Amino acid sequence: MNKKDIAMIRKQFKLDNPAMEIREIFNVYVKKETGEIYHQASQPFQMLELEAQELFLANFKKVLTGHLDAKLFELKFRRDVENSTQTLLFTGLQAGSDDWKENMLTIVEKMFAHAVYDFDTVVTFIRGEYRKATRKRDLESEEGGDDEVYSNQFILCSLNKTDQPKKALVFDYIEKTFKSNNAIDPIINLTAPLSGFLFPAVTDYAQDVNHILYCGGKVNQPDDTFILDVLNCEEIITAVEDKDCFEQIINKVMGDEVDSRIISNVYEEVDKIVQETEENEESESPMLDSQDIERILRVSGVEDVDSTKVEHAFKSVVYDEKHEIKASSIIPKSIKINTKVANLTLSPKELKNVKYIMYQGKRCLLLEIDEDVAIEGFRLETETL
């Protein structure tokens, strides 16, 4: 899945949307520490009060919100897993109400067999269908639109914590008195899901039952136990880990000291690869192996680059020789240069305008700019070195 696929599904979660039908919602309340199921309830989604529907829809959007490989991860199911979650979800799409709930309860048992929380939690499952027209409606021929649609059935899961209500002073409008709030009902925190998933994954409106979209609760902190033991999927590498691997590889090839223009050229070459993919509207992000990295370093002006040197650096950093680094994970949004005198924040392409020089025996940063510099209403005088 790419960000366009996810955005397309996310925007469907709104009230009175004819393109989205949520048929059933199943809530499971789980006690803290013991992981025991205290209560479960299933009902048609449309039977909920409108306010409750809005709260849940906002929660489902949260599950589908975040950057790929940072908070959202497309995972591949492992093969030959007994009582696999893939099978439970696949059969749950078409199962009757009782079987569907039994399958989801089995997944809940998996969740709490490997995790202990110090607060009660609520696991919410929905299953439904969303539709997307294959083409826009032609006003003259009156063809297209809802005449032909992509139809995708799905199951979405959201795991949420509960909070205890805080004591407060309230005003009773009827009795016209001030009194303490004695509410004891736990509050289900739907604004920040602990985790969740969408099954099956979707690419260009086509379902892929061999993959699932997983949402981690915190950025760059996916739950490995949840991925391996609950979802029964293969291990993943986050965008931060990919970026760190790439930096270690080029550091081993180029050494510790390098010209700022070289670093800027490297990021520029990687950005070209990413942009070409986006312009061609390819669904998959480009991946880089040792040969790709060798080419990038050569084009960027790095000296003494050879295949053996790059391949050795790649194997010494990446534990899996077949692993490829996602190009979009490499490029930083900004580069920060922190000194005792000043802190600079630059885009990667502007790094070539910065030089690290020695002037009169002192270390200096030389920043090339195109405009005059004004400070406190004064234009700085130009000095020629």
Protein backbone atom coordinates (compact mmCIF):
# COMPACT_ATOMS: atom_id res chain seq x y z
CA MET A 1 0.00 0.00 0.00
CA ASN A 2 1.12 3.55 -0.63
CA LYS A 3 -0.04 6.78 0.97
CA LYS A 4 -2.65 7.33 -1.78
CA ASP A 5 -4.26 3.93 -1.12
CA ILE A 6 -4.39 4.62 2.62
CA ALA A 7 -5.75 8.15 2.16
CA MET A 8 -8.45 6.83 -0.17
CA ILE A 9 -9.70 4.39 2.47
CA ARG A 10 -9.31 6.79 5.39
CA LYS A 11 -11.50 9.48 3.86
CA GLN A 12 -14.35 6.98 3.50
CA PHE A 13 -14.88 6.89 7.27
CA LYS A 14 -17.55 9.54 7.60
CA LEU A 15 -21.24 9.63 8.44
CA ASP A 16 -23.85 8.91 5.77
CA ASN A 17 -21.27 7.84 3.18
CA PRO A 18 -22.95 5.66 0.51
CA ALA A 19 -19.52 4.37 -0.57
CA MET A 20 -18.80 2.88 2.88
CA GLU A 21 -20.97 0.32 4.66
CA ILE A 22 -19.92 -0.75 8.16
CA ARG A 23 -22.14 -3.72 8.81
CA GLU A 24 -21.12 -4.78 12.29
CA ILE A 25 -19.13 -3.52 15.25
CA PHE A 26 -17.80 -5.85 17.95
CA ASN A 27 -16.40 -4.42 21.22
CA VAL A 28 -14.44 -6.51 23.72
CA TYR A 29 -13.64 -5.10 27.17
CA VAL A 30 -10.49 -6.65 28.68
CA LYS A 31 -9.40 -6.36 32.33
CA LYS A 32 -5.94 -5.09 33.15
CA GLU A 33 -3.13 -7.39 34.32
CA THR A 34 -5.18 -10.61 33.99
CA GLY A 35 -6.14 -10.08 30.34
CA GLU A 36 -9.55 -11.60 31.04
CA ILE A 37 -12.51 -10.64 28.88
CA TYR A 38 -14.97 -8.82 31.14
CA HIS A 39 -17.61 -8.04 28.52
CA GLN A 40 -18.28 -8.33 24.80
CA ALA A 41 -20.99 -6.74 22.66
CA SER A 42 -21.83 -6.94 18.95
CA GLN A 43 -24.41 -4.95 17.03
CA PRO A 44 -25.05 -3.30 13.65
CA PHE A 45 -22.98 -0.12 13.42
CA GLN A 46 -25.98 1.92 12.32
CA MET A 47 -27.76 1.03 15.57
CA LEU A 48 -25.27 3.15 17.54
CA GLU A 49 -26.20 6.69 18.46
CA LEU A 50 -24.87 9.28 16.00
CA GLU A 51 -22.43 10.70 18.57
CA ALA A 52 -21.04 7.22 19.22
CA GLN A 53 -20.71 6.62 15.46
CA GLU A 54 -18.76 9.87 15.07
CA LEU A 55 -16.41 8.96 17.92
CA PHE A 56 -15.69 5.52 16.46
CA LEU A 57 -15.24 6.86 12.92
CA ALA A 58 -12.65 9.35 14.20
CA ASN A 59 -10.93 6.46 15.98
CA PHE A 60 -10.82 4.35 12.81
CA LYS A 61 -9.26 7.27 10.94
CA LYS A 62 -6.57 7.43 13.62
CA VAL A 63 -5.70 3.79 12.93
CA LEU A 64 -5.08 4.75 9.30
CA THR A 65 -3.13 7.94 10.06
CA GLY A 66 0.65 8.23 9.99
CA HIS A 67 3.67 7.91 7.74
CA LEU A 68 4.45 4.58 6.13
CA ASP A 69 7.33 2.67 7.75
CA ALA A 70 7.15 5.04 10.72
CA LYS A 71 3.69 4.46 12.21
CA LEU A 72 1.93 2.48 9.48
CA PHE A 73 3.47 -0.73 8.17
CA GLU A 74 2.38 -3.08 5.41
CA LEU A 75 3.20 -6.54 6.76
CA LYS A 76 3.47 -9.88 5.00
CA PHE A 77 1.90 -12.93 6.65
CA ARG A 78 4.19 -15.85 7.47
CA ARG A 79 3.41 -19.19 5.90
CA ASP A 80 2.70 -22.47 7.67
CA VAL A 81 1.48 -20.90 10.95
CA GLU A 82 -1.02 -23.00 12.87
CA ASN A 83 -4.30 -21.18 13.56
CA SER A 84 -2.88 -18.14 11.77
CA THR A 85 -4.43 -14.70 12.11
CA GLN A 86 -4.54 -14.50 8.32
CA THR A 87 -6.91 -17.48 8.23
CA LEU A 88 -9.02 -16.10 11.09
CA LEU A 89 -9.44 -12.78 9.30
CA PHE A 90 -10.01 -14.26 5.86
CA THR A 91 -12.75 -16.60 7.06
CA GLY A 92 -14.13 -13.83 9.26
CA LEU A 93 -14.86 -11.68 6.21
CA GLN A 94 -17.52 -14.11 5.00
CA ALA A 95 -18.50 -15.88 8.23
CA GLY A 96 -21.85 -15.62 9.98
CA SER A 97 -22.20 -13.43 13.05
CA ASP A 98 -21.32 -16.13 15.61
CA ASP A 99 -18.30 -17.49 13.70
CA TRP A 100 -17.03 -13.98 13.00
CA LYS A 101 -17.10 -13.14 16.69
CA GLU A 102 -15.38 -16.41 17.64
CA ASN A 103 -12.57 -15.67 15.19
CA MET A 104 -12.11 -12.15 16.56
CA LEU A 105 -12.11 -13.43 20.15
CA THR A 106 -9.31 -15.81 19.20
CA ILE A 107 -7.29 -12.82 17.99
CA VAL A 108 -8.03 -11.02 21.27
CA GLU A 109 -6.71 -14.03 23.18
CA LYS A 110 -3.52 -13.83 21.12
CA MET A 111 -3.16 -10.15 21.96
CA PHE A 112 -3.32 -10.64 25.71
CA ALA A 113 -1.34 -13.86 25.80
CA HIS A 114 1.75 -11.76 25.06
CA ALA A 115 0.95 -8.37 26.62
CA VAL A 116 0.07 -7.10 30.09
CA TYR A 117 -1.37 -3.61 30.59
CA ASP A 118 -1.80 -1.68 33.83
CA PHE A 119 -5.12 -0.32 32.59
CA ASP A 120 -8.29 -1.86 31.16
CA THR A 121 -8.49 -1.95 27.37
CA VAL A 122 -11.17 -2.17 24.71
CA VAL A 123 -10.62 -4.02 21.44
CA THR A 124 -12.96 -2.92 18.65
CA PHE A 125 -13.53 -4.82 15.41
CA ILE A 126 -15.62 -3.71 12.47
CA ARG A 127 -16.29 -5.42 9.20
CA GLY A 128 -17.79 -3.83 6.18
CA GLU A 129 -17.31 -2.84 2.57
CA TYR A 130 -16.18 0.24 0.70
CA ARG A 131 -16.72 0.96 -2.96
CA LYS A 132 -14.89 3.13 -5.46
CA ALA A 133 -16.07 3.93 -8.97
CA THR A 134 -13.74 2.58 -11.65
CA ARG A 135 -14.18 5.83 -13.59
CA LYS A 136 -15.94 9.16 -13.29
CA ARG A 137 -19.44 9.49 -14.66
CA ASP A 138 -19.65 10.92 -18.19
CA LEU A 139 -22.41 13.56 -18.23
CA GLU A 140 -23.13 13.07 -21.95
CA SER A 141 -23.24 9.28 -22.14
CA GLU A 142 -24.34 8.92 -18.50
CA GLU A 143 -21.90 6.04 -18.17
CA GLY A 144 -19.47 5.40 -15.33
CA GLY A 145 -19.88 6.41 -11.71
CA ASP A 146 -21.76 3.77 -9.73
CA ASP A 147 -22.33 1.64 -12.85
CA GLU A 148 -19.02 -0.11 -12.25
CA VAL A 149 -17.18 -0.03 -8.92
CA TYR A 150 -14.27 -1.59 -7.06
CA SER A 151 -15.76 -3.41 -4.08
CA ASN A 152 -13.59 -4.33 -1.12
CA GLN A 153 -14.66 -6.09 2.05
CA PHE A 154 -12.52 -5.38 5.08
CA ILE A 155 -11.97 -5.91 8.80
CA LEU A 156 -10.51 -3.12 10.90
CA CYS A 157 -9.30 -3.49 14.48
CA SER A 158 -8.53 -0.80 17.04
CA LEU A 159 -7.00 -1.36 20.50
CA ASN A 160 -7.69 1.46 22.97
CA LYS A 161 -6.89 2.12 26.62
CA THR A 162 -9.36 3.25 29.24
CA ASP A 163 -8.86 6.19 31.60
CA GLN A 164 -10.39 6.71 35.00
CA PRO A 165 -12.53 9.86 35.24
CA LYS A 166 -10.98 12.70 37.23
CA LYS A 167 -12.73 14.14 40.23
CA ALA A 168 -14.19 17.55 39.48
CA LEU A 169 -16.57 20.17 40.78
CA VAL A 170 -19.73 20.44 38.68
CA PHE A 171 -22.81 22.66 38.68
CA ASP A 172 -26.20 20.93 38.71
CA TYR A 173 -28.51 23.02 36.53
CA ILE A 174 -31.66 21.38 37.89
CA GLU A 175 -30.92 21.58 41.61
CA LYS A 176 -28.83 24.74 41.17
CA THR A 177 -26.07 23.47 43.42
CA PHE A 178 -22.34 22.94 43.22
CA LYS A 179 -21.24 19.39 43.94
CA SER A 180 -18.44 16.93 43.27
CA ASN A 181 -18.50 14.66 40.26
CA ASN A 182 -18.88 11.08 41.47
CA ALA A 183 -18.62 9.39 38.07
CA ILE A 184 -16.85 6.02 38.21
CA ASP A 185 -17.36 4.79 34.64
CA PRO A 186 -14.04 4.37 32.81
CA ILE A 187 -13.52 6.55 29.75
CA ILE A 188 -12.50 4.77 26.54
CA ASN A 189 -9.70 6.82 24.99
CA LEU A 190 -10.56 6.75 21.27
CA THR A 191 -8.26 9.63 20.36
CA ALA A 192 -4.99 7.68 20.60
CA PRO A 193 -5.22 3.98 19.62
CA LEU A 194 -2.55 1.76 21.15
CA SER A 195 -2.42 -0.23 17.91
CA GLY A 196 -4.66 -1.56 15.18
CA PHE A 197 -4.80 -3.07 11.73
CA LEU A 198 -6.70 -3.19 8.45
CA PHE A 199 -7.21 -6.45 6.56
CA PRO A 200 -6.69 -7.06 3.72
CA ALA A 201 -4.12 -4.63 2.34
CA VAL A 202 -5.14 -2.77 -0.81
CA THR A 203 -3.01 -1.68 -3.77
CA ASP A 204 -4.65 0.29 -6.59
CA TYR A 205 -8.09 -0.84 -5.32
CA ALA A 206 -7.06 -4.51 -5.55
CA GLN A 207 -7.17 -6.58 -2.35
CA ASP A 208 -4.08 -8.43 -1.18
CA VAL A 209 -4.99 -11.04 1.46
CA ASN A 210 -1.32 -11.95 1.92
CA HIS A 211 -0.61 -8.56 3.48
CA ILE A 212 -2.09 -6.50 6.31
CA LEU A 213 -1.75 -2.83 7.25
CA TYR A 214 -0.55 -2.50 10.85
CA CYS A 215 -0.67 0.67 12.96
CA GLY A 216 1.85 1.08 15.77
CA GLY A 217 0.91 3.21 18.74
CA LYS A 218 4.04 5.37 18.61
CA VAL A 219 6.16 6.60 15.72
CA ASN A 220 9.09 4.31 14.89
CA GLN A 221 8.18 1.97 17.76
CA PRO A 222 6.33 -0.98 16.24
CA ASP A 223 5.47 -3.80 18.64
CA ASP A 224 7.56 -6.75 17.44
CA THR A 225 5.66 -9.20 19.65
CA PHE A 226 2.32 -8.02 18.24
CA ILE A 227 3.67 -8.35 14.69
CA LEU A 228 5.17 -11.82 15.15
CA ASP A 229 2.90 -13.55 17.67
CA VAL A 230 -0.46 -11.83 17.21
CA LEU A 231 -0.55 -11.01 13.50
CA ASN A 232 1.86 -13.87 12.58
CA CYS A 233 3.71 -11.63 10.13
CA GLU A 234 7.32 -11.28 9.06
CA GLU A 235 9.71 -8.92 10.85
CA ILE A 236 10.04 -5.36 9.58
CA ILE A 237 12.58 -2.56 9.51
CA THR A 238 11.40 0.97 10.27
CA ALA A 239 12.23 4.04 8.20
CA VAL A 240 14.60 5.23 10.94
CA GLU A 241 16.44 1.89 10.91
CA ASP A 242 16.68 1.98 7.10
CA LYS A 243 18.08 5.52 7.23
CA ASP A 244 20.59 4.50 9.89
CA CYS A 245 21.71 1.51 7.79
CA PHE A 246 22.25 3.72 4.74
CA GLU A 247 24.28 6.26 6.73
CA GLN A 248 26.48 3.52 8.18
CA ILE A 249 27.08 2.02 4.72
CA ILE A 250 28.15 5.28 3.06
CA ASN A 251 30.22 6.16 6.13
CA LYS A 252 32.19 2.93 5.73
CA VAL A 253 32.70 3.65 2.02
CA MET A 254 33.48 7.41 2.19
CA GLY A 255 35.04 7.66 5.65
CA ASP A 256 34.25 10.01 8.52
CA GLU A 257 35.20 13.26 6.76
CA VAL A 258 33.43 14.32 3.58
CA ASP A 259 32.70 17.50 1.62
CA SER A 260 29.24 18.96 2.19
CA ARG A 261 28.64 19.00 -1.57
CA ILE A 262 29.12 15.23 -1.71
CA ILE A 263 26.50 14.63 0.97
CA SER A 264 24.12 17.03 -0.80
CA ASN A 265 24.70 15.23 -4.11
CA VAL A 266 23.93 11.85 -2.51
CA TYR A 267 20.59 13.04 -1.15
CA GLU A 268 19.80 14.73 -4.46
CA GLU A 269 20.39 11.50 -6.39
CA VAL A 270 18.18 9.51 -4.01
CA ASP A 271 15.48 12.19 -4.29
CA LYS A 272 15.57 11.89 -8.11
CA ILE A 273 14.86 8.17 -7.82
CA VAL A 274 11.91 8.80 -5.51
CA GLN A 275 10.50 11.60 -7.66
CA GLU A 276 10.70 9.50 -10.84
CA THR A 277 8.64 6.79 -9.16
CA GLU A 278 5.99 9.28 -8.00
CA GLU A 279 5.78 10.89 -11.45
CA ASN A 280 5.24 7.47 -13.04
CA GLU A 281 2.56 6.80 -10.38
CA GLU A 282 4.18 3.52 -9.41
CA SER A 283 2.58 2.01 -6.33
CA GLU A 284 5.77 0.62 -4.78
CA SER A 285 8.50 2.80 -3.37
CA PRO A 286 11.92 2.22 -5.04
CA MET A 287 14.30 -0.05 -3.14
CA LEU A 288 18.10 0.19 -3.10
CA ASP A 289 20.58 -2.68 -3.00
CA SER A 290 24.38 -2.48 -2.89
CA GLN A 291 24.62 -1.90 -6.67
CA ASP A 292 22.18 1.01 -6.48
CA ILE A 293 24.15 2.56 -3.63
CA GLU A 294 27.40 2.13 -5.60
CA ARG A 295 25.90 3.99 -8.57
CA ILE A 296 24.57 6.79 -6.35
CA LEU A 297 27.98 7.30 -4.74
CA ARG A 298 29.77 7.32 -8.11
CA VAL A 299 27.40 9.88 -9.62
CA SER A 300 27.66 12.01 -6.46
CA GLY A 301 31.42 12.39 -6.90
CA VAL A 302 32.72 9.99 -4.27
CA GLU A 303 36.24 8.86 -5.12
CA ASP A 304 37.64 5.32 -4.98
CA VAL A 305 34.25 3.59 -5.13
CA ASP A 306 34.25 -0.03 -6.25
CA SER A 307 31.73 -2.86 -6.12
CA THR A 308 33.68 -4.95 -3.61
CA LYS A 309 34.03 -2.06 -1.16
CA VAL A 310 30.32 -1.15 -1.28
CA GLU A 311 29.16 -4.76 -1.10
CA HIS A 312 31.39 -5.43 1.92
CA ALA A 313 30.04 -2.31 3.67
CA PHE A 314 26.47 -3.35 2.86
CA LYS A 315 26.91 -6.87 4.26
CA SER A 316 28.64 -5.59 7.41
CA VAL A 317 25.68 -3.31 8.23
CA VAL A 318 22.60 -5.16 6.97
CA TYR A 319 22.01 -8.50 8.67
CA ASP A 320 19.96 -9.85 5.73
CA GLU A 321 21.88 -9.89 2.44
CA LYS A 322 18.57 -9.87 0.51
CA HIS A 323 17.33 -6.76 2.29
CA GLU A 324 16.85 -3.63 0.21
CA ILE A 325 16.69 -0.13 1.65
CA LYS A 326 13.60 1.93 0.87
CA ALA A 327 14.74 5.09 -0.94
CA SER A 328 12.04 7.30 0.56
CA SER A 329 13.29 6.50 4.08
CA ILE A 330 16.78 7.86 3.43
CA ILE A 331 16.15 11.52 2.68
CA PRO A 332 15.88 13.65 5.85
CA LYS A 333 13.26 16.38 5.93
CA SER A 334 15.92 18.75 7.23
CA ILE A 335 19.56 18.75 8.26
CA LYS A 336 20.54 20.42 11.51
CA ILE A 337 23.98 21.86 12.22
CA ASN A 338 24.33 22.68 15.90
CA THR A 339 27.19 24.81 17.25
CA LYS A 340 27.76 26.81 20.43
CA VAL A 341 27.35 30.03 18.43
CA ALA A 342 24.28 29.21 16.32
CA ASN A 343 22.04 26.40 15.10
CA LEU A 344 21.25 25.99 11.40
CA THR A 345 18.40 24.03 9.83
CA LEU A 346 18.72 23.36 6.10
CA SER A 347 17.03 21.25 3.49
CA PRO A 348 19.32 18.49 2.09
CA LYS A 349 19.59 20.20 -1.33
CA GLU A 350 20.88 23.41 0.33
CA LEU A 351 23.70 21.62 2.13
CA LYS A 352 25.98 22.25 -0.87
CA ASN A 353 25.86 25.98 0.01
CA VAL A 354 27.59 25.32 3.34
CA LYS A 355 31.37 25.01 3.64
CA TYR A 356 33.46 24.16 6.68
CA ILE A 357 36.67 26.23 6.46
CA MET A 358 39.67 27.41 8.49
CA TYR A 359 40.00 31.22 8.57
CA GLN A 360 42.82 32.91 10.47
CA GLY A 361 43.35 29.69 12.40
CA LYS A 362 39.69 29.42 13.42
CA ARG A 363 37.06 26.95 12.33
CA CYS A 364 34.20 28.63 10.47
CA LEU A 365 30.99 27.75 8.66
CA LEU A 366 30.67 29.58 5.35
CA LEU A 367 27.07 29.88 4.16
CA GLU A 368 26.49 30.93 0.55
CA ILE A 369 23.34 33.06 0.10
CA ASP A 370 21.72 35.06 -2.72
CA GLU A 371 20.28 38.00 -0.80
CA ASP A 372 21.34 40.76 1.57
CA VAL A 373 21.23 40.11 5.30
CA ALA A 374 19.31 42.45 7.61
CA ILE A 375 19.52 42.39 11.40
CA GLU A 376 17.33 44.58 13.64
CA GLY A 377 16.57 46.88 10.72
CA PHE A 378 20.22 47.22 9.64
CA ARG A 379 21.68 45.74 6.46
CA LEU A 380 24.99 44.06 7.14
CA GLU A 381 28.02 45.48 5.43
CA THR A 382 29.68 43.14 2.91
CA GLU A 383 33.26 42.17 3.68
CA THR A 384 35.52 40.64 1.01
CA LEU A 385 38.01 38.10 2.34
